[in-house]
N, C-alpha and C. Protein backbone atom coordinates (compact mmCIF):
# COMPACT_ATOMS: atom_id res chain seq x y z
N MET A 1 -1.61 2.33 15.12
CA MET A 1 -0.91 1.09 15.42
C MET A 1 -1.82 -0.09 15.07
N THR A 2 -1.32 -1.01 14.32
CA THR A 2 -2.09 -2.18 13.91
C THR A 2 -1.96 -3.26 14.98
N LYS A 3 -3.11 -3.81 15.37
CA LYS A 3 -3.12 -4.86 16.40
C LYS A 3 -3.89 -6.06 15.89
N VAL A 4 -3.44 -7.23 16.31
CA VAL A 4 -4.12 -8.48 15.99
C VAL A 4 -4.13 -9.33 17.25
N VAL A 5 -5.29 -9.91 17.56
CA VAL A 5 -5.43 -10.74 18.74
C VAL A 5 -5.22 -12.20 18.34
N VAL A 6 -4.36 -12.90 19.08
CA VAL A 6 -4.09 -14.32 18.82
C VAL A 6 -5.20 -15.13 19.50
N GLN A 7 -5.90 -15.92 18.71
CA GLN A 7 -6.99 -16.73 19.23
C GLN A 7 -6.62 -18.22 19.18
N ASN A 8 -6.86 -18.91 20.26
CA ASN A 8 -6.61 -20.35 20.36
C ASN A 8 -5.15 -20.71 20.10
N GLY A 9 -4.25 -19.81 20.37
CA GLY A 9 -2.82 -20.09 20.20
C GLY A 9 -2.38 -20.22 18.76
N ASP A 10 -3.18 -19.75 17.82
CA ASP A 10 -2.85 -19.85 16.40
C ASP A 10 -2.06 -18.63 15.95
N VAL A 11 -0.75 -18.69 16.17
CA VAL A 11 0.12 -17.55 15.88
C VAL A 11 0.27 -17.35 14.37
N ASP A 12 0.31 -18.43 13.60
CA ASP A 12 0.48 -18.32 12.15
C ASP A 12 -0.66 -17.52 11.51
N LEU A 13 -1.88 -17.80 11.95
CA LEU A 13 -3.03 -17.07 11.42
C LEU A 13 -2.97 -15.60 11.83
N ALA A 14 -2.53 -15.34 13.06
CA ALA A 14 -2.41 -13.96 13.54
C ALA A 14 -1.36 -13.19 12.73
N ILE A 15 -0.25 -13.84 12.41
CA ILE A 15 0.79 -13.20 11.60
C ILE A 15 0.26 -12.88 10.20
N LYS A 16 -0.49 -13.82 9.64
CA LYS A 16 -1.06 -13.61 8.31
C LYS A 16 -2.02 -12.42 8.31
N LYS A 17 -2.87 -12.34 9.34
CA LYS A 17 -3.81 -11.23 9.45
C LYS A 17 -3.07 -9.91 9.64
N PHE A 18 -2.01 -9.94 10.44
CA PHE A 18 -1.23 -8.74 10.69
C PHE A 18 -0.59 -8.22 9.41
N LYS A 19 -0.01 -9.12 8.62
CA LYS A 19 0.62 -8.73 7.37
C LYS A 19 -0.39 -8.11 6.41
N ASN A 20 -1.60 -8.70 6.36
CA ASN A 20 -2.65 -8.15 5.50
C ASN A 20 -3.06 -6.75 5.95
N LYS A 21 -3.21 -6.56 7.26
CA LYS A 21 -3.60 -5.24 7.77
C LYS A 21 -2.53 -4.19 7.48
N VAL A 22 -1.27 -4.55 7.64
CA VAL A 22 -0.17 -3.62 7.38
C VAL A 22 -0.14 -3.27 5.90
N ALA A 23 -0.33 -4.25 5.02
CA ALA A 23 -0.31 -4.00 3.59
C ALA A 23 -1.46 -3.08 3.18
N ARG A 24 -2.63 -3.28 3.76
CA ARG A 24 -3.79 -2.44 3.44
C ARG A 24 -3.62 -1.01 3.95
N SER A 25 -2.88 -0.84 5.03
CA SER A 25 -2.70 0.50 5.60
C SER A 25 -1.81 1.38 4.72
N GLY A 26 -1.03 0.77 3.83
CA GLY A 26 -0.20 1.53 2.91
C GLY A 26 1.18 1.88 3.43
N VAL A 27 1.57 1.34 4.55
CA VAL A 27 2.88 1.66 5.13
C VAL A 27 4.03 1.22 4.21
N PRO A 28 4.02 0.01 3.67
CA PRO A 28 5.15 -0.40 2.82
C PRO A 28 5.32 0.49 1.59
N SER A 29 4.22 0.90 0.97
CA SER A 29 4.34 1.74 -0.22
C SER A 29 4.85 3.13 0.13
N LYS A 30 4.47 3.65 1.30
CA LYS A 30 4.97 4.95 1.74
C LYS A 30 6.48 4.88 1.97
N LEU A 31 6.94 3.80 2.59
CA LEU A 31 8.37 3.65 2.84
C LEU A 31 9.14 3.52 1.53
N LYS A 32 8.57 2.80 0.60
CA LYS A 32 9.22 2.61 -0.70
C LYS A 32 9.36 3.94 -1.43
N LYS A 33 8.33 4.79 -1.35
CA LYS A 33 8.38 6.09 -2.02
C LYS A 33 9.38 7.03 -1.37
N LYS A 34 9.55 6.95 -0.07
CA LYS A 34 10.44 7.87 0.63
C LYS A 34 11.88 7.36 0.73
N LYS A 35 12.17 6.22 0.13
CA LYS A 35 13.49 5.64 0.21
C LYS A 35 14.54 6.53 -0.47
N PHE A 36 14.17 7.14 -1.60
CA PHE A 36 15.06 8.01 -2.34
C PHE A 36 14.40 9.36 -2.56
N TYR A 37 15.21 10.40 -2.69
CA TYR A 37 14.68 11.73 -2.97
C TYR A 37 14.20 11.79 -4.42
N GLU A 38 13.06 12.41 -4.59
CA GLU A 38 12.50 12.56 -5.92
C GLU A 38 12.30 14.04 -6.19
N LYS A 39 12.81 14.51 -7.32
CA LYS A 39 12.65 15.92 -7.66
C LYS A 39 11.16 16.24 -7.82
N PRO A 40 10.77 17.49 -7.55
CA PRO A 40 9.36 17.85 -7.67
C PRO A 40 8.77 17.60 -9.06
N GLY A 41 9.53 17.87 -10.11
CA GLY A 41 9.03 17.64 -11.47
C GLY A 41 8.79 16.16 -11.74
N VAL A 42 9.70 15.34 -11.27
CA VAL A 42 9.57 13.88 -11.44
C VAL A 42 8.38 13.37 -10.62
N LYS A 43 8.21 13.95 -9.45
CA LYS A 43 7.10 13.57 -8.58
C LYS A 43 5.76 13.86 -9.26
N ARG A 44 5.65 15.05 -9.89
CA ARG A 44 4.42 15.43 -10.59
C ARG A 44 4.17 14.49 -11.77
N LYS A 45 5.24 14.17 -12.51
CA LYS A 45 5.10 13.29 -13.66
C LYS A 45 4.61 11.91 -13.24
N ASN A 46 5.19 11.36 -12.15
CA ASN A 46 4.78 10.04 -11.67
C ASN A 46 3.35 10.06 -11.16
N LYS A 47 2.96 11.15 -10.49
CA LYS A 47 1.60 11.26 -9.98
C LYS A 47 0.60 11.29 -11.13
N LYS A 48 0.95 12.01 -12.19
CA LYS A 48 0.08 12.09 -13.36
C LYS A 48 -0.08 10.71 -14.01
N LYS A 49 1.04 9.98 -14.14
CA LYS A 49 0.99 8.62 -14.71
C LYS A 49 0.09 7.72 -13.86
N GLU A 50 0.24 7.82 -12.53
CA GLU A 50 -0.55 6.99 -11.62
C GLU A 50 -2.03 7.30 -11.75
N ASN A 51 -2.38 8.60 -11.86
CA ASN A 51 -3.78 8.98 -12.02
C ASN A 51 -4.36 8.47 -13.33
N ILE A 52 -3.56 8.47 -14.39
CA ILE A 52 -4.02 7.94 -15.68
C ILE A 52 -4.27 6.44 -15.56
N LYS A 53 -3.36 5.71 -14.87
CA LYS A 53 -3.55 4.27 -14.67
C LYS A 53 -4.83 3.98 -13.90
N LYS A 54 -5.07 4.77 -12.83
CA LYS A 54 -6.27 4.58 -12.02
C LYS A 54 -7.53 4.82 -12.85
N ALA A 55 -7.51 5.88 -13.66
CA ALA A 55 -8.67 6.18 -14.51
C ALA A 55 -8.92 5.05 -15.50
N ASN A 56 -7.86 4.52 -16.09
CA ASN A 56 -8.01 3.41 -17.03
C ASN A 56 -8.58 2.17 -16.35
N ARG A 57 -8.13 1.90 -15.13
CA ARG A 57 -8.65 0.75 -14.38
C ARG A 57 -10.14 0.92 -14.10
N ARG A 58 -10.52 2.15 -13.68
CA ARG A 58 -11.93 2.42 -13.38
C ARG A 58 -12.78 2.26 -14.62
N ASN A 59 -12.30 2.75 -15.75
CA ASN A 59 -13.06 2.65 -17.00
C ASN A 59 -13.17 1.22 -17.49
N ARG A 60 -12.13 0.43 -17.26
CA ARG A 60 -12.12 -0.97 -17.69
C ARG A 60 -13.14 -1.78 -16.89
N ASN A 61 -13.30 -1.47 -15.60
CA ASN A 61 -14.21 -2.23 -14.76
C ASN A 61 -15.68 -1.88 -15.00
N ASN A 62 -15.93 -0.72 -15.53
CA ASN A 62 -17.34 -0.29 -15.74
C ASN A 62 -17.87 -0.74 -17.04
């Protein structure tokens, strides 16, 4: 469970911090992936594409 403490009554800052923490935890992307059923073959293909993208990003930064 993600928690944020409101300091000095600054609710806007607390909401901003909360949104950042939720985004970093990966919850929105998990929900997006589980929204529709994906066949196992399609799932493998997408995973392979994602791994290739990650490898390219790592190579580009080095």
